[in-house]
Amino acid sequence: MNVTAALNGTLNTVGTENASTWGPTLNVNNRFLENTLNTNFGVSHNTSNSNTTNTKVTNLRANISYVLKEKHNFHLNVIQLFKSLSTENRNELTITFGHSYSF
């Protein structure tokens, strides 16, 4: 099992506009079934501030992949995004499923 913690930070200055973004990230990865099943879960939260707007974004990610007979790779990715703008709130959900074959 791997656990990763990180802190993101950005400071931008363009002309008279100043903007900053910062926030923590946590990610957990684990392999099962003799390394054929790989799971990953991550969460991050970023706060952006500028002269004109403030934004908060929370991102939840889950990934799972399975290797079958060393040839087939199945993967499922789910991303849930919660965005809080100074004018409105938005939620986005993205789900991706795929299969690849190696020969």
N, C-alpha and C. Protein backbone atom coordinates (compact mmCIF):
# COMPACT_ATOMS: atom_id res chain seq x y z
N MET A 1 0.85 -1.18 0.00
CA MET A 1 0.00 0.00 0.00
C MET A 1 0.89 1.24 0.00
N ASN A 2 0.54 2.20 -0.84
CA ASN A 2 1.25 3.47 -0.89
C ASN A 2 0.29 4.58 -0.51
N VAL A 3 0.73 5.45 0.37
CA VAL A 3 -0.04 6.62 0.76
C VAL A 3 0.81 7.85 0.46
N THR A 4 0.20 8.80 -0.27
CA THR A 4 0.91 10.02 -0.64
C THR A 4 0.12 11.23 -0.17
N ALA A 5 0.79 12.13 0.49
CA ALA A 5 0.19 13.40 0.88
C ALA A 5 1.01 14.52 0.25
N ALA A 6 0.31 15.53 -0.27
CA ALA A 6 1.01 16.62 -0.94
C ALA A 6 0.28 17.93 -0.69
N LEU A 7 0.96 19.01 -0.93
CA LEU A 7 0.39 20.34 -0.83
C LEU A 7 0.70 21.07 -2.13
N ASN A 8 -0.36 21.55 -2.80
CA ASN A 8 -0.21 22.29 -4.05
C ASN A 8 -0.22 23.77 -3.77
N GLY A 9 0.56 24.52 -4.50
CA GLY A 9 0.56 25.96 -4.35
C GLY A 9 1.03 26.67 -5.60
N THR A 10 0.32 27.74 -5.99
CA THR A 10 0.67 28.52 -7.16
C THR A 10 0.40 29.99 -6.87
N LEU A 11 1.28 30.86 -7.31
CA LEU A 11 1.10 32.29 -7.21
C LEU A 11 1.35 32.89 -8.58
N ASN A 12 0.34 33.59 -9.13
CA ASN A 12 0.45 34.20 -10.45
C ASN A 12 0.28 35.71 -10.33
N THR A 13 1.12 36.44 -11.03
CA THR A 13 1.00 37.89 -11.11
C THR A 13 1.10 38.29 -12.58
N VAL A 14 0.01 38.86 -13.10
CA VAL A 14 -0.03 39.31 -14.48
C VAL A 14 -0.55 40.75 -14.47
N GLY A 15 0.29 41.68 -14.78
CA GLY A 15 -0.11 43.09 -14.73
C GLY A 15 -0.50 43.46 -13.30
N THR A 16 -1.72 43.92 -13.14
CA THR A 16 -2.20 44.28 -11.80
C THR A 16 -3.02 43.15 -11.17
N GLU A 17 -3.18 42.04 -11.88
CA GLU A 17 -3.97 40.91 -11.38
C GLU A 17 -3.07 39.94 -10.62
N ASN A 18 -3.45 39.65 -9.38
CA ASN A 18 -2.75 38.67 -8.56
C ASN A 18 -3.70 37.51 -8.28
N ALA A 19 -3.20 36.30 -8.41
CA ALA A 19 -4.02 35.12 -8.14
C ALA A 19 -3.17 34.07 -7.43
N SER A 20 -3.81 33.35 -6.52
CA SER A 20 -3.11 32.28 -5.81
C SER A 20 -4.03 31.06 -5.72
N THR A 21 -3.42 29.90 -5.73
CA THR A 21 -4.12 28.64 -5.58
C THR A 21 -3.32 27.78 -4.63
N TRP A 22 -4.01 27.14 -3.68
CA TRP A 22 -3.32 26.24 -2.77
C TRP A 22 -4.31 25.18 -2.29
N GLY A 23 -3.77 24.05 -1.84
CA GLY A 23 -4.62 23.02 -1.28
C GLY A 23 -3.90 21.70 -1.10
N PRO A 24 -4.45 20.84 -0.24
CA PRO A 24 -3.86 19.53 0.04
C PRO A 24 -4.38 18.45 -0.91
N THR A 25 -3.59 17.38 -1.03
CA THR A 25 -3.95 16.20 -1.80
C THR A 25 -3.56 14.96 -1.00
N LEU A 26 -4.44 13.96 -1.02
CA LEU A 26 -4.15 12.67 -0.39
C LEU A 26 -4.49 11.58 -1.39
N ASN A 27 -3.58 10.61 -1.54
CA ASN A 27 -3.76 9.53 -2.50
C ASN A 27 -3.36 8.21 -1.84
N VAL A 28 -4.19 7.17 -2.04
CA VAL A 28 -3.91 5.83 -1.51
C VAL A 28 -3.98 4.84 -2.66
N ASN A 29 -2.95 4.01 -2.78
CA ASN A 29 -2.85 3.03 -3.86
C ASN A 29 -2.54 1.68 -3.24
N ASN A 30 -3.22 0.62 -3.72
CA ASN A 30 -2.93 -0.72 -3.21
C ASN A 30 -3.14 -1.74 -4.33
N ARG A 31 -2.33 -2.81 -4.30
CA ARG A 31 -2.44 -3.90 -5.28
C ARG A 31 -2.91 -5.15 -4.55
N PHE A 32 -3.74 -5.93 -5.25
CA PHE A 32 -4.29 -7.15 -4.69
C PHE A 32 -4.16 -8.28 -5.71
N LEU A 33 -4.50 -9.49 -5.29
CA LEU A 33 -4.57 -10.67 -6.16
C LEU A 33 -3.30 -10.84 -7.00
N GLU A 34 -2.19 -10.95 -6.31
CA GLU A 34 -0.88 -11.14 -6.96
C GLU A 34 -0.59 -10.05 -7.98
N ASN A 35 -0.90 -8.81 -7.64
CA ASN A 35 -0.63 -7.62 -8.45
C ASN A 35 -1.43 -7.54 -9.74
N THR A 36 -2.54 -8.30 -9.86
CA THR A 36 -3.38 -8.20 -11.05
C THR A 36 -4.49 -7.16 -10.87
N LEU A 37 -4.81 -6.81 -9.64
CA LEU A 37 -5.85 -5.82 -9.34
C LEU A 37 -5.20 -4.62 -8.67
N ASN A 38 -5.30 -3.47 -9.31
CA ASN A 38 -4.69 -2.25 -8.78
C ASN A 38 -5.81 -1.26 -8.45
N THR A 39 -5.81 -0.75 -7.23
CA THR A 39 -6.82 0.22 -6.80
C THR A 39 -6.14 1.51 -6.39
N ASN A 40 -6.85 2.62 -6.62
CA ASN A 40 -6.31 3.93 -6.29
C ASN A 40 -7.47 4.84 -5.88
N PHE A 41 -7.31 5.57 -4.80
CA PHE A 41 -8.29 6.56 -4.38
C PHE A 41 -7.56 7.84 -4.03
N GLY A 42 -8.07 8.96 -4.51
CA GLY A 42 -7.43 10.24 -4.22
C GLY A 42 -8.45 11.33 -3.96
N VAL A 43 -8.07 12.27 -3.16
CA VAL A 43 -8.91 13.44 -2.88
C VAL A 43 -8.01 14.67 -2.83
N SER A 44 -8.50 15.76 -3.39
CA SER A 44 -7.77 17.02 -3.31
C SER A 44 -8.76 18.16 -3.15
N HIS A 45 -8.29 19.22 -2.54
CA HIS A 45 -9.11 20.41 -2.35
C HIS A 45 -8.23 21.62 -2.62
N ASN A 46 -8.65 22.44 -3.58
CA ASN A 46 -7.88 23.63 -3.93
C ASN A 46 -8.73 24.88 -3.77
N THR A 47 -8.14 25.91 -3.22
CA THR A 47 -8.78 27.20 -3.07
C THR A 47 -8.02 28.20 -3.92
N SER A 48 -8.74 28.90 -4.81
CA SER A 48 -8.13 29.90 -5.68
C SER A 48 -8.71 31.27 -5.34
N ASN A 49 -7.84 32.23 -5.21
CA ASN A 49 -8.24 33.61 -4.91
C ASN A 49 -7.58 34.56 -5.90
N SER A 50 -8.37 35.51 -6.39
CA SER A 50 -7.83 36.56 -7.25
C SER A 50 -8.52 37.86 -6.88
N ASN A 51 -8.18 38.92 -7.60
CA ASN A 51 -8.81 40.22 -7.33
C ASN A 51 -10.29 40.21 -7.67
N THR A 52 -10.72 39.31 -8.55
CA THR A 52 -12.11 39.34 -9.02
C THR A 52 -12.96 38.15 -8.59
N THR A 53 -12.36 37.02 -8.22
CA THR A 53 -13.16 35.83 -7.90
C THR A 53 -12.46 34.93 -6.90
N ASN A 54 -13.27 34.13 -6.22
CA ASN A 54 -12.77 33.10 -5.31
C ASN A 54 -13.41 31.77 -5.72
N THR A 55 -12.62 30.73 -5.77
CA THR A 55 -13.10 29.43 -6.21
C THR A 55 -12.57 28.35 -5.27
N LYS A 56 -13.43 27.37 -4.95
CA LYS A 56 -13.01 26.19 -4.19
C LYS A 56 -13.39 24.96 -5.00
N VAL A 57 -12.43 24.05 -5.16
CA VAL A 57 -12.66 22.85 -5.94
C VAL A 57 -12.23 21.63 -5.11
N THR A 58 -13.16 20.69 -4.96
CA THR A 58 -12.86 19.42 -4.32
C THR A 58 -12.98 18.34 -5.38
N ASN A 59 -11.98 17.48 -5.46
CA ASN A 59 -11.89 16.47 -6.50
C ASN A 59 -11.72 15.10 -5.84
N LEU A 60 -12.65 14.18 -6.10
CA LEU A 60 -12.54 12.79 -5.62
C LEU A 60 -12.29 11.90 -6.82
N ARG A 61 -11.28 11.02 -6.73
CA ARG A 61 -10.93 10.14 -7.84
C ARG A 61 -10.82 8.71 -7.34
N ALA A 62 -11.36 7.78 -8.10
CA ALA A 62 -11.21 6.35 -7.81
C ALA A 62 -10.88 5.63 -9.11
N ASN A 63 -9.85 4.81 -9.07
CA ASN A 63 -9.42 4.06 -10.25
C ASN A 63 -9.24 2.60 -9.85
N ILE A 64 -9.65 1.72 -10.73
CA ILE A 64 -9.42 0.30 -10.51
C ILE A 64 -9.04 -0.31 -11.86
N SER A 65 -8.04 -1.18 -11.85
CA SER A 65 -7.65 -1.87 -13.08
C SER A 65 -7.36 -3.33 -12.75
N TYR A 66 -7.65 -4.17 -13.72
CA TYR A 66 -7.46 -5.61 -13.54
C TYR A 66 -6.81 -6.19 -14.79
N VAL A 67 -5.77 -6.98 -14.60
CA VAL A 67 -5.07 -7.63 -15.70
C VAL A 67 -5.47 -9.10 -15.70
N LEU A 68 -6.00 -9.55 -16.84
CA LEU A 68 -6.46 -10.93 -16.99
C LEU A 68 -5.54 -11.66 -17.96
N LYS A 69 -4.93 -12.72 -17.49
CA LYS A 69 -4.06 -13.59 -18.31
C LYS A 69 -2.95 -12.82 -19.02
N GLU A 70 -2.45 -11.78 -18.40
CA GLU A 70 -1.33 -10.96 -18.90
C GLU A 70 -1.58 -10.34 -20.27
N LYS A 71 -2.78 -10.44 -20.80
CA LYS A 71 -3.10 -9.90 -22.12
C LYS A 71 -4.18 -8.83 -22.07
N HIS A 72 -5.16 -9.01 -21.21
CA HIS A 72 -6.31 -8.11 -21.13
C HIS A 72 -6.15 -7.18 -19.93
N ASN A 73 -6.39 -5.90 -20.15
CA ASN A 73 -6.36 -4.92 -19.06
C ASN A 73 -7.69 -4.18 -19.07
N PHE A 74 -8.45 -4.35 -17.99
CA PHE A 74 -9.72 -3.66 -17.81
C PHE A 74 -9.51 -2.53 -16.81
N HIS A 75 -10.07 -1.35 -17.07
CA HIS A 75 -9.89 -0.26 -16.12
C HIS A 75 -11.18 0.57 -16.02
N LEU A 76 -11.42 1.05 -14.82
CA LEU A 76 -12.57 1.88 -14.51
C LEU A 76 -12.08 3.09 -13.73
N ASN A 77 -12.43 4.29 -14.21
CA ASN A 77 -12.04 5.54 -13.56
C ASN A 77 -13.29 6.35 -13.25
N VAL A 78 -13.38 6.86 -12.03
CA VAL A 78 -14.50 7.70 -11.62
C VAL A 78 -13.92 8.97 -11.01
N ILE A 79 -14.40 10.12 -11.49
CA ILE A 79 -13.96 11.42 -10.95
C ILE A 79 -15.20 12.23 -10.61
N GLN A 80 -15.28 12.68 -9.36
CA GLN A 80 -16.36 13.55 -8.92
C GLN A 80 -15.74 14.89 -8.55
N LEU A 81 -16.25 15.95 -9.16
CA LEU A 81 -15.72 17.30 -8.97
C LEU A 81 -16.80 18.19 -8.38
N PHE A 82 -16.48 18.85 -7.29
CA PHE A 82 -17.37 19.82 -6.66
C PHE A 82 -16.69 21.18 -6.75
N LYS A 83 -17.30 22.11 -7.47
CA LYS A 83 -16.71 23.42 -7.69
C LYS A 83 -17.63 24.49 -7.09
N SER A 84 -17.08 25.30 -6.21
CA SER A 84 -17.81 26.40 -5.59
C SER A 84 -17.22 27.71 -6.08
N LEU A 85 -17.97 28.39 -6.94
CA LEU A 85 -17.55 29.68 -7.47
C LEU A 85 -18.19 30.79 -6.65
N SER A 86 -17.73 31.99 -6.80
CA SER A 86 -18.33 33.11 -6.06
C SER A 86 -19.74 33.40 -6.55
N THR A 87 -20.11 32.93 -7.77
CA THR A 87 -21.44 33.19 -8.32
C THR A 87 -22.35 31.97 -8.33
N GLU A 88 -21.79 30.74 -8.34
CA GLU A 88 -22.59 29.53 -8.42
C GLU A 88 -21.79 28.32 -7.98
N ASN A 89 -22.49 27.19 -7.81
CA ASN A 89 -21.85 25.91 -7.51
C ASN A 89 -22.07 24.96 -8.67
N ARG A 90 -21.08 24.13 -8.93
CA ARG A 90 -21.18 23.15 -10.02
C ARG A 90 -20.65 21.81 -9.54
N ASN A 91 -21.27 20.73 -10.02
CA ASN A 91 -20.80 19.37 -9.76
C ASN A 91 -20.64 18.67 -11.09
N GLU A 92 -19.58 17.90 -11.22
CA GLU A 92 -19.32 17.15 -12.44
C GLU A 92 -18.94 15.72 -12.07
N LEU A 93 -19.47 14.76 -12.82
CA LEU A 93 -19.13 13.36 -12.63
C LEU A 93 -18.65 12.80 -13.96
N THR A 94 -17.48 12.17 -13.96
CA THR A 94 -16.93 11.55 -15.16
C THR A 94 -16.62 10.09 -14.84
N ILE A 95 -17.16 9.18 -15.65
CA ILE A 95 -16.91 7.75 -15.49
C ILE A 95 -16.36 7.22 -16.82
N THR A 96 -15.23 6.53 -16.74
CA THR A 96 -14.60 5.98 -17.93
C THR A 96 -14.30 4.50 -17.71
N PHE A 97 -14.71 3.68 -18.66
CA PHE A 97 -14.38 2.25 -18.61
C PHE A 97 -13.64 1.90 -19.88
N GLY A 98 -12.62 1.08 -19.76
CA GLY A 98 -11.87 0.71 -20.95
C GLY A 98 -11.30 -0.69 -20.87
N HIS A 99 -10.89 -1.17 -22.01
CA HIS A 99 -10.24 -2.47 -22.13
C HIS A 99 -9.13 -2.34 -23.15
N SER A 100 -8.00 -2.93 -22.84
CA SER A 100 -6.91 -2.98 -23.80
C SER A 100 -6.39 -4.42 -23.88
N TYR A 101 -5.91 -4.77 -25.05
CA TYR A 101 -5.38 -6.12 -25.28
C TYR A 101 -3.96 -6.01 -25.80
N SER A 102 -3.05 -6.76 -25.17
CA SER A 102 -1.66 -6.78 -25.61
C SER A 102 -1.38 -8.09 -26.34
N PHE A 103 -0.70 -7.99 -27.48
CA PHE A 103 -0.37 -9.22 -28.21
C PHE A 103 1.07 -9.19 -28.64
